Amino acid sequence: MFNIQNLMKQAQMMQKRMTEAQEKLGQEEREGTAAGGLVKVILSGRHDLKKISIAPDLVNKDDIDLLEDSILAAYNDAHEKITKMQDEGMKEATGGVDFGGLKIPF
């Protein structure tokens, strides 16, 4: 026998667990490197670029801060635009159904 209330409870529990897992993973950070470690980035579990480090050996020392900040700003601008595009695409795909702020993948 099909029990809709039991199914709804299970769906709510699963949504809660998924939200908790997303929050936990979103707080994690990982470092990526290139050019033998001369360029480093730190990315959050939500794909937010947190920090860029460029070794002075690659560019003029006076330009490093401006270059790091500019790359960080450009990445975050693109990330925000992609997130907005994904949100709009999901809204269209689900016919405007709100899943309680649950974002997949983030």
Protein backbone atom coordinates (compact mmCIF):
# COMPACT_ATOMS: atom_id res chain seq x y z
CA MET A 1 0.00 0.00 0.00
CA PHE A 2 1.30 3.44 -0.98
CA ASN A 3 1.64 5.89 1.92
CA ILE A 4 2.04 9.47 0.66
CA GLN A 5 2.72 10.86 4.16
CA ASN A 6 5.62 8.45 4.67
CA LEU A 7 6.99 9.37 1.26
CA MET A 8 6.76 13.10 2.06
CA LYS A 9 8.56 12.60 5.39
CA GLN A 10 11.35 10.70 3.66
CA ALA A 11 11.67 13.43 1.02
CA GLN A 12 11.88 16.12 3.72
CA MET A 13 14.53 14.15 5.62
CA MET A 14 16.54 13.63 2.44
CA GLN A 15 16.31 17.35 1.59
CA LYS A 16 17.51 18.23 5.09
CA ARG A 17 20.46 15.83 4.83
CA MET A 18 21.36 17.15 1.39
CA THR A 19 21.23 20.75 2.62
CA GLU A 20 23.43 19.89 5.61
CA ALA A 21 25.91 18.07 3.37
CA GLN A 22 26.03 21.02 0.95
CA GLU A 23 26.67 23.44 3.82
CA LYS A 24 29.46 21.26 5.21
CA LEU A 25 31.10 20.78 1.82
CA GLY A 26 30.70 24.48 1.04
CA GLN A 27 32.90 25.32 4.03
CA GLU A 28 35.76 23.16 2.79
CA GLU A 29 38.63 24.71 0.82
CA ARG A 30 41.18 23.24 -1.55
CA GLU A 31 44.35 24.67 -3.07
CA GLY A 32 45.22 24.31 -6.72
CA THR A 33 48.65 25.03 -8.15
CA ALA A 34 50.21 25.66 -11.55
CA ALA A 35 53.61 26.53 -12.97
CA GLY A 36 55.40 24.35 -10.45
CA GLY A 37 53.70 26.04 -7.50
CA LEU A 38 54.38 29.60 -8.64
CA VAL A 39 50.66 30.21 -9.06
CA LYS A 40 48.24 29.08 -6.35
CA VAL A 41 44.49 29.45 -5.91
CA ILE A 42 42.20 28.54 -3.05
CA LEU A 43 38.67 27.51 -3.97
CA SER A 44 35.78 26.92 -1.57
CA GLY A 45 33.49 23.92 -1.75
CA ARG A 46 30.94 26.28 -3.28
CA HIS A 47 33.39 26.99 -6.11
CA ASP A 48 34.10 30.50 -4.81
CA LEU A 49 37.63 31.67 -5.54
CA LYS A 50 38.99 32.74 -2.17
CA LYS A 51 42.61 33.64 -2.85
CA ILE A 52 45.18 33.86 -5.63
CA SER A 53 48.92 33.88 -5.05
CA ILE A 54 51.40 34.66 -7.81
CA ALA A 55 55.10 34.29 -7.12
CA PRO A 56 57.18 37.42 -7.70
CA ASP A 57 59.34 35.44 -10.12
CA LEU A 58 56.51 35.49 -12.68
CA VAL A 59 55.72 39.22 -12.84
CA ASN A 60 56.91 42.61 -11.68
CA LYS A 61 56.56 42.77 -7.87
CA ASP A 62 54.61 46.06 -8.08
CA ASP A 63 51.95 44.43 -10.27
CA ILE A 64 51.28 41.27 -8.22
CA ASP A 65 48.62 42.64 -5.86
CA LEU A 66 46.68 44.32 -8.67
CA LEU A 67 46.94 41.20 -10.85
CA GLU A 68 45.81 38.86 -8.03
CA ASP A 69 42.87 41.10 -7.10
CA SER A 70 41.84 41.55 -10.74
CA ILE A 71 41.83 37.82 -11.44
CA LEU A 72 39.88 37.17 -8.24
CA ALA A 73 37.27 39.80 -9.15
CA ALA A 74 36.94 38.53 -12.73
CA TYR A 75 36.50 34.92 -11.61
CA ASN A 76 33.89 35.83 -9.00
CA ASP A 77 32.00 37.97 -11.54
CA ALA A 78 31.89 35.05 -13.99
CA HIS A 79 30.92 32.64 -11.20
CA GLU A 80 28.02 34.90 -10.17
CA LYS A 81 26.79 35.08 -13.76
CA ILE A 82 26.98 31.30 -14.16
CA THR A 83 25.08 30.79 -10.90
CA LYS A 84 22.36 33.17 -12.06
CA MET A 85 22.15 31.38 -15.41
CA GLN A 86 21.87 28.00 -13.66
CA ASP A 87 19.16 29.30 -11.31
CA GLU A 88 17.16 30.63 -14.24
CA GLY A 89 17.63 27.38 -16.17
CA MET A 90 16.47 25.28 -13.22
CA LYS A 91 13.48 27.57 -12.69
CA GLU A 92 12.53 27.10 -16.31
CA ALA A 93 13.13 23.34 -16.20
CA THR A 94 11.01 22.86 -13.07
CA GLY A 95 8.23 25.16 -14.19
CA GLY A 96 9.01 27.59 -11.36
CA VAL A 97 8.72 24.98 -8.59
CA ASP A 98 10.63 26.13 -5.51
CA PHE A 99 12.68 23.41 -3.82
CA GLY A 100 13.12 25.40 -0.61
CA GLY A 101 16.38 27.04 -1.64
CA LEU A 102 18.06 23.70 -2.35
CA LYS A 103 20.73 24.33 -4.95
CA ILE A 104 22.21 21.53 -6.96
CA PRO A 105 25.14 21.31 -7.24
CA PHE A 106 25.49 24.57 -5.23
